[in-house]
Amino acid sequence: MVKVDVSGLAIDNRSNSPVVLLKETQGDRVLPIWIGQAEASAIAFELSGFNFRRPGFNFRRPLTHDLFKSVLDALEVKLTKVVISDLIDQTFFQDRRPPFRLHHYGVETKGSHICR
């Protein structure tokens, strides 16, 4: 298993699609993952430290990963690990493993959601 951090966002010039870049913490390799525009915006906000929930800022609606994060926050659960377990038809599949007391539950989700 290789530990990575979100190192930034980029745009694929061929497809004009946003790409999140995951860089090894103990190396130089980078794993690009193509994501949607909404996910890219949310990741950019998070990386910049921008608080779109602040008073006076009218964010249209929370996205799926915002709901997931809110549920984890309400349960006082910290997401400790994401394992990319498969690559099928150019789509990454992974397990999220948030700890709930002494048990671990896996949650299946889209690759673009792992960065929040």
N, C-alpha and C. Protein backbone atom coordinates (compact mmCIF):
# COMPACT_ATOMS: atom_id res chain seq x y z
N MET A 1 0.85 -1.17 0.00
CA MET A 1 0.00 0.00 0.00
C MET A 1 0.90 1.24 0.00
N VAL A 2 0.49 2.26 -0.76
CA VAL A 2 1.26 3.50 -0.88
C VAL A 2 0.42 4.65 -0.34
N LYS A 3 0.97 5.40 0.61
CA LYS A 3 0.27 6.54 1.17
C LYS A 3 0.46 7.74 0.25
N VAL A 4 -0.65 8.46 -0.02
CA VAL A 4 -0.61 9.64 -0.89
C VAL A 4 -1.34 10.79 -0.22
N ASP A 5 -1.02 12.00 -0.69
CA ASP A 5 -1.72 13.21 -0.27
C ASP A 5 -2.22 13.92 -1.52
N VAL A 6 -3.25 14.72 -1.36
CA VAL A 6 -3.72 15.55 -2.47
C VAL A 6 -2.69 16.65 -2.66
N SER A 7 -2.06 16.66 -3.84
CA SER A 7 -1.02 17.67 -4.08
C SER A 7 -1.54 18.84 -4.89
N GLY A 8 -2.70 18.69 -5.52
CA GLY A 8 -3.25 19.81 -6.27
C GLY A 8 -4.26 19.37 -7.31
N LEU A 9 -4.67 20.34 -8.09
CA LEU A 9 -5.62 20.12 -9.18
C LEU A 9 -4.98 20.57 -10.48
N ALA A 10 -5.43 19.97 -11.58
CA ALA A 10 -4.94 20.35 -12.91
C ALA A 10 -6.10 20.21 -13.89
N ILE A 11 -5.88 20.66 -15.10
CA ILE A 11 -6.85 20.50 -16.19
C ILE A 11 -6.18 19.67 -17.28
N ASP A 12 -6.86 18.62 -17.73
CA ASP A 12 -6.38 17.82 -18.85
C ASP A 12 -6.66 18.62 -20.12
N ASN A 13 -5.61 19.01 -20.82
CA ASN A 13 -5.77 19.85 -22.01
C ASN A 13 -6.52 19.16 -23.14
N ARG A 14 -6.42 17.84 -23.23
CA ARG A 14 -7.11 17.12 -24.31
C ARG A 14 -8.61 17.08 -24.10
N SER A 15 -9.04 16.79 -22.87
CA SER A 15 -10.47 16.63 -22.60
C SER A 15 -11.07 17.84 -21.89
N ASN A 16 -10.22 18.77 -21.46
CA ASN A 16 -10.64 19.94 -20.69
C ASN A 16 -11.33 19.53 -19.39
N SER A 17 -10.93 18.38 -18.86
CA SER A 17 -11.50 17.85 -17.62
C SER A 17 -10.57 18.13 -16.45
N PRO A 18 -11.16 18.38 -15.27
CA PRO A 18 -10.33 18.56 -14.08
C PRO A 18 -9.72 17.23 -13.63
N VAL A 19 -8.54 17.33 -13.06
CA VAL A 19 -7.80 16.16 -12.58
C VAL A 19 -7.29 16.49 -11.18
N VAL A 20 -7.53 15.60 -10.23
CA VAL A 20 -6.93 15.75 -8.90
C VAL A 20 -5.63 14.94 -8.91
N LEU A 21 -4.58 15.51 -8.34
CA LEU A 21 -3.27 14.88 -8.34
C LEU A 21 -2.95 14.36 -6.94
N LEU A 22 -2.71 13.06 -6.85
CA LEU A 22 -2.34 12.43 -5.59
C LEU A 22 -0.86 12.07 -5.66
N LYS A 23 -0.06 12.59 -4.71
CA LYS A 23 1.39 12.38 -4.71
C LYS A 23 1.78 11.51 -3.53
N GLU A 24 2.70 10.59 -3.79
CA GLU A 24 3.23 9.75 -2.73
C GLU A 24 3.82 10.62 -1.61
N THR A 25 3.58 10.24 -0.37
CA THR A 25 4.17 10.99 0.73
C THR A 25 5.65 10.67 0.87
N GLN A 26 6.05 9.48 0.48
CA GLN A 26 7.45 9.06 0.59
C GLN A 26 8.06 8.79 -0.78
N GLY A 27 7.74 9.62 -1.77
CA GLY A 27 8.27 9.40 -3.11
C GLY A 27 7.86 10.52 -4.04
N ASP A 28 8.11 10.31 -5.32
CA ASP A 28 7.85 11.35 -6.32
C ASP A 28 6.74 10.99 -7.30
N ARG A 29 6.19 9.79 -7.21
CA ARG A 29 5.16 9.40 -8.16
C ARG A 29 3.86 10.16 -7.87
N VAL A 30 3.12 10.44 -8.96
CA VAL A 30 1.84 11.15 -8.87
C VAL A 30 0.78 10.31 -9.57
N LEU A 31 -0.37 10.18 -8.93
CA LEU A 31 -1.51 9.46 -9.50
C LEU A 31 -2.57 10.48 -9.88
N PRO A 32 -2.83 10.67 -11.19
CA PRO A 32 -3.90 11.59 -11.59
C PRO A 32 -5.24 10.86 -11.61
N ILE A 33 -6.28 11.52 -11.12
CA ILE A 33 -7.63 10.97 -11.16
C ILE A 33 -8.54 12.02 -11.77
N TRP A 34 -9.18 11.68 -12.90
CA TRP A 34 -10.08 12.60 -13.57
C TRP A 34 -11.38 12.68 -12.78
N ILE A 35 -11.86 13.89 -12.55
CA ILE A 35 -13.04 14.12 -11.71
C ILE A 35 -13.98 15.09 -12.41
N GLY A 36 -15.14 15.29 -11.85
CA GLY A 36 -16.11 16.23 -12.40
C GLY A 36 -15.83 17.65 -11.93
N GLN A 37 -16.47 18.61 -12.60
CA GLN A 37 -16.27 20.02 -12.28
C GLN A 37 -16.73 20.35 -10.86
N ALA A 38 -17.86 19.80 -10.45
CA ALA A 38 -18.37 20.08 -9.10
C ALA A 38 -17.40 19.58 -8.03
N GLU A 39 -16.86 18.37 -8.24
CA GLU A 39 -15.90 17.82 -7.28
C GLU A 39 -14.61 18.66 -7.27
N ALA A 40 -14.18 19.10 -8.46
CA ALA A 40 -12.98 19.93 -8.54
C ALA A 40 -13.17 21.24 -7.78
N SER A 41 -14.33 21.85 -7.92
CA SER A 41 -14.60 23.09 -7.20
C SER A 41 -14.58 22.87 -5.70
N ALA A 42 -15.21 21.79 -5.25
CA ALA A 42 -15.24 21.49 -3.82
C ALA A 42 -13.83 21.23 -3.28
N ILE A 43 -13.02 20.50 -4.05
CA ILE A 43 -11.65 20.22 -3.61
C ILE A 43 -10.83 21.51 -3.58
N ALA A 44 -11.01 22.36 -4.58
CA ALA A 44 -10.30 23.65 -4.62
C ALA A 44 -10.66 24.50 -3.41
N PHE A 45 -11.95 24.55 -3.06
CA PHE A 45 -12.37 25.29 -1.87
C PHE A 45 -11.68 24.74 -0.63
N GLU A 46 -11.67 23.43 -0.50
CA GLU A 46 -11.08 22.79 0.67
C GLU A 46 -9.58 23.06 0.75
N LEU A 47 -8.89 22.93 -0.38
CA LEU A 47 -7.44 23.15 -0.39
C LEU A 47 -7.07 24.60 -0.07
N SER A 48 -7.94 25.52 -0.47
CA SER A 48 -7.65 26.94 -0.23
C SER A 48 -8.04 27.39 1.17
N GLY A 49 -8.81 26.56 1.88
CA GLY A 49 -9.27 26.93 3.21
C GLY A 49 -10.51 27.81 3.18
N PHE A 50 -11.12 27.98 2.00
CA PHE A 50 -12.31 28.82 1.85
C PHE A 50 -13.49 28.17 2.56
N ASN A 51 -14.20 28.94 3.36
CA ASN A 51 -15.36 28.43 4.10
C ASN A 51 -16.64 28.87 3.40
N PHE A 52 -17.19 28.00 2.55
CA PHE A 52 -18.41 28.37 1.83
C PHE A 52 -19.65 28.26 2.69
N ARG A 53 -19.50 27.80 3.94
CA ARG A 53 -20.64 27.72 4.86
C ARG A 53 -20.74 28.97 5.74
N ARG A 54 -19.86 29.93 5.52
CA ARG A 54 -19.84 31.13 6.37
C ARG A 54 -21.11 31.96 6.15
N PRO A 55 -21.53 32.72 7.14
CA PRO A 55 -22.72 33.57 7.01
C PRO A 55 -22.57 34.56 5.86
N GLY A 56 -23.63 34.74 5.13
CA GLY A 56 -23.64 35.70 4.02
C GLY A 56 -23.22 35.12 2.69
N PHE A 57 -22.65 33.90 2.69
CA PHE A 57 -22.27 33.27 1.42
C PHE A 57 -23.36 32.28 1.06
N ASN A 58 -23.99 32.49 -0.06
CA ASN A 58 -25.12 31.65 -0.48
C ASN A 58 -24.63 30.56 -1.42
N PHE A 59 -24.27 29.40 -0.86
CA PHE A 59 -23.88 28.25 -1.67
C PHE A 59 -25.15 27.55 -2.10
N ARG A 60 -25.28 27.24 -3.37
CA ARG A 60 -26.53 26.73 -3.94
C ARG A 60 -27.10 25.54 -3.17
N ARG A 61 -26.32 24.49 -3.05
CA ARG A 61 -26.78 23.31 -2.32
C ARG A 61 -25.58 22.44 -2.02
N PRO A 62 -25.62 21.69 -0.94
CA PRO A 62 -24.50 20.79 -0.65
C PRO A 62 -24.47 19.63 -1.65
N LEU A 63 -23.29 19.15 -1.94
CA LEU A 63 -23.14 18.01 -2.83
C LEU A 63 -23.08 16.73 -2.01
N THR A 64 -23.08 15.59 -2.68
CA THR A 64 -23.12 14.29 -2.01
C THR A 64 -21.99 14.14 -1.00
N HIS A 65 -20.78 14.54 -1.38
CA HIS A 65 -19.65 14.38 -0.46
C HIS A 65 -19.77 15.34 0.73
N ASP A 66 -20.46 16.48 0.54
CA ASP A 66 -20.70 17.38 1.68
C ASP A 66 -21.62 16.70 2.69
N LEU A 67 -22.65 16.03 2.19
CA LEU A 67 -23.56 15.29 3.07
C LEU A 67 -22.81 14.19 3.81
N PHE A 68 -21.99 13.46 3.09
CA PHE A 68 -21.22 12.37 3.70
C PHE A 68 -20.31 12.92 4.80
N LYS A 69 -19.62 14.02 4.51
CA LYS A 69 -18.74 14.64 5.50
C LYS A 69 -19.54 15.14 6.70
N SER A 70 -20.70 15.73 6.47
CA SER A 70 -21.54 16.21 7.57
C SER A 70 -21.98 15.07 8.47
N VAL A 71 -22.32 13.92 7.88
CA VAL A 71 -22.73 12.76 8.67
C VAL A 71 -21.55 12.27 9.52
N LEU A 72 -20.36 12.18 8.90
CA LEU A 72 -19.18 11.75 9.66
C LEU A 72 -18.88 12.73 10.79
N ASP A 73 -18.97 14.04 10.50
CA ASP A 73 -18.72 15.05 11.53
C ASP A 73 -19.73 14.93 12.68
N ALA A 74 -21.01 14.74 12.33
CA ALA A 74 -22.05 14.62 13.35
C ALA A 74 -21.83 13.40 14.24
N LEU A 75 -21.28 12.34 13.65
CA LEU A 75 -21.00 11.12 14.41
C LEU A 75 -19.63 11.18 15.09
N GLU A 76 -18.92 12.31 14.89
CA GLU A 76 -17.58 12.49 15.44
C GLU A 76 -16.64 11.37 14.98
N VAL A 77 -16.72 11.08 13.68
CA VAL A 77 -15.92 10.03 13.08
C VAL A 77 -14.91 10.67 12.14
N LYS A 78 -13.67 10.18 12.19
CA LYS A 78 -12.63 10.67 11.30
C LYS A 78 -12.31 9.58 10.28
N LEU A 79 -12.33 9.96 9.01
CA LEU A 79 -11.96 9.04 7.94
C LEU A 79 -10.45 8.86 8.00
N THR A 80 -9.99 7.64 8.25
CA THR A 80 -8.58 7.41 8.48
C THR A 80 -7.86 6.81 7.27
N LYS A 81 -8.60 6.19 6.37
CA LYS A 81 -7.92 5.50 5.27
C LYS A 81 -8.89 5.30 4.12
N VAL A 82 -8.38 5.45 2.91
CA VAL A 82 -9.10 5.11 1.69
C VAL A 82 -8.21 4.16 0.91
N VAL A 83 -8.74 3.02 0.50
CA VAL A 83 -7.97 2.04 -0.25
C VAL A 83 -8.56 1.93 -1.65
N ILE A 84 -7.75 2.27 -2.66
CA ILE A 84 -8.19 2.05 -4.04
C ILE A 84 -7.98 0.58 -4.31
N SER A 85 -9.09 -0.13 -4.49
CA SER A 85 -9.03 -1.58 -4.53
C SER A 85 -9.16 -2.16 -5.93
N ASP A 86 -9.58 -1.34 -6.90
CA ASP A 86 -9.78 -1.89 -8.24
C ASP A 86 -9.80 -0.78 -9.28
N LEU A 87 -9.54 -1.13 -10.51
CA LEU A 87 -9.64 -0.23 -11.65
C LEU A 87 -10.41 -0.97 -12.72
N ILE A 88 -11.64 -0.51 -13.01
CA ILE A 88 -12.50 -1.16 -13.99
C ILE A 88 -12.97 -0.10 -14.98
N ASP A 89 -12.73 -0.33 -16.26
CA ASP A 89 -13.16 0.61 -17.31
C ASP A 89 -12.74 2.04 -17.00
N GLN A 90 -11.49 2.21 -16.61
CA GLN A 90 -10.89 3.52 -16.31
C GLN A 90 -11.56 4.23 -15.14
N THR A 91 -12.21 3.47 -14.26
CA THR A 91 -12.82 4.03 -13.05
C THR A 91 -12.20 3.36 -11.84
N PHE A 92 -11.72 4.19 -10.89
CA PHE A 92 -11.16 3.66 -9.65
C PHE A 92 -12.29 3.31 -8.70
N PHE A 93 -12.15 2.19 -8.01
CA PHE A 93 -13.07 1.79 -6.96
C PHE A 93 -12.27 1.66 -5.69
N GLN A 94 -12.87 2.09 -4.59
CA GLN A 94 -12.14 2.07 -3.33
C GLN A 94 -13.07 1.78 -2.17
N ASP A 95 -12.43 1.49 -1.06
CA ASP A 95 -13.15 1.29 0.19
C ASP A 95 -12.82 2.46 1.09
N ARG A 96 -13.84 3.06 1.71
CA ARG A 96 -13.62 4.03 2.77
C ARG A 96 -13.76 3.24 4.06
N ARG A 97 -12.90 3.50 4.98
CA ARG A 97 -12.95 2.75 6.23
C ARG A 97 -12.95 3.68 7.43
N PRO A 98 -14.10 4.26 7.73
CA PRO A 98 -14.17 5.07 8.95
C PRO A 98 -14.33 4.17 10.17
N PRO A 99 -13.62 4.44 11.25
CA PRO A 99 -13.78 3.61 12.45
C PRO A 99 -15.03 4.01 13.23
N PHE A 100 -15.84 3.07 13.59
CA PHE A 100 -16.98 3.30 14.47
C PHE A 100 -16.75 2.45 15.70
N ARG A 101 -16.34 3.10 16.77
CA ARG A 101 -15.96 2.43 18.01
C ARG A 101 -14.94 1.35 17.73
N LEU A 102 -15.26 0.10 18.00
CA LEU A 102 -14.29 -0.97 17.80
C LEU A 102 -14.44 -1.67 16.45
N HIS A 103 -15.39 -1.22 15.64
CA HIS A 103 -15.68 -1.89 14.37
C HIS A 103 -15.28 -1.00 13.20
N HIS A 104 -15.03 -1.61 12.06
CA HIS A 104 -14.78 -0.88 10.83
C HIS A 104 -15.87 -1.26 9.83
N TYR A 105 -16.41 -0.25 9.15
CA TYR A 105 -17.41 -0.47 8.14
C TYR A 105 -16.87 0.04 6.81
N GLY A 106 -16.99 -0.71 5.76
CA GLY A 106 -16.58 -0.25 4.44
C GLY A 106 -17.75 0.43 3.75
N VAL A 107 -17.47 1.49 3.01
CA VAL A 107 -18.49 2.23 2.28
C VAL A 107 -18.01 2.37 0.85
N GLU A 108 -18.79 1.91 -0.11
CA GLU A 108 -18.42 2.03 -1.51
C GLU A 108 -18.82 3.41 -2.02
N THR A 109 -17.93 4.04 -2.82
CA THR A 109 -18.20 5.39 -3.28
C THR A 109 -17.44 5.67 -4.57
N LYS A 110 -17.71 6.84 -5.16
CA LYS A 110 -17.02 7.26 -6.39
C LYS A 110 -15.61 7.75 -6.06
N GLY A 111 -14.69 7.56 -7.00
CA GLY A 111 -13.30 7.96 -6.80
C GLY A 111 -13.12 9.44 -6.52
N SER A 112 -13.94 10.27 -7.12
CA SER A 112 -13.78 11.71 -6.92
C SER A 112 -14.17 12.14 -5.52
N HIS A 113 -14.87 11.30 -4.78
CA HIS A 113 -15.29 11.67 -3.43
C HIS A 113 -14.22 11.40 -2.39
N ILE A 114 -13.15 10.70 -2.73
CA ILE A 114 -12.17 10.35 -1.72
C ILE A 114 -11.33 11.53 -1.28
N CYS A 115 -11.41 12.62 -2.00
CA CYS A 115 -10.51 13.75 -1.71
C CYS A 115 -11.09 14.74 -0.75
N ARG A 116 -12.25 14.55 -0.25
CA ARG A 116 -12.87 15.50 0.67
C ARG A 116 -12.72 15.02 2.07
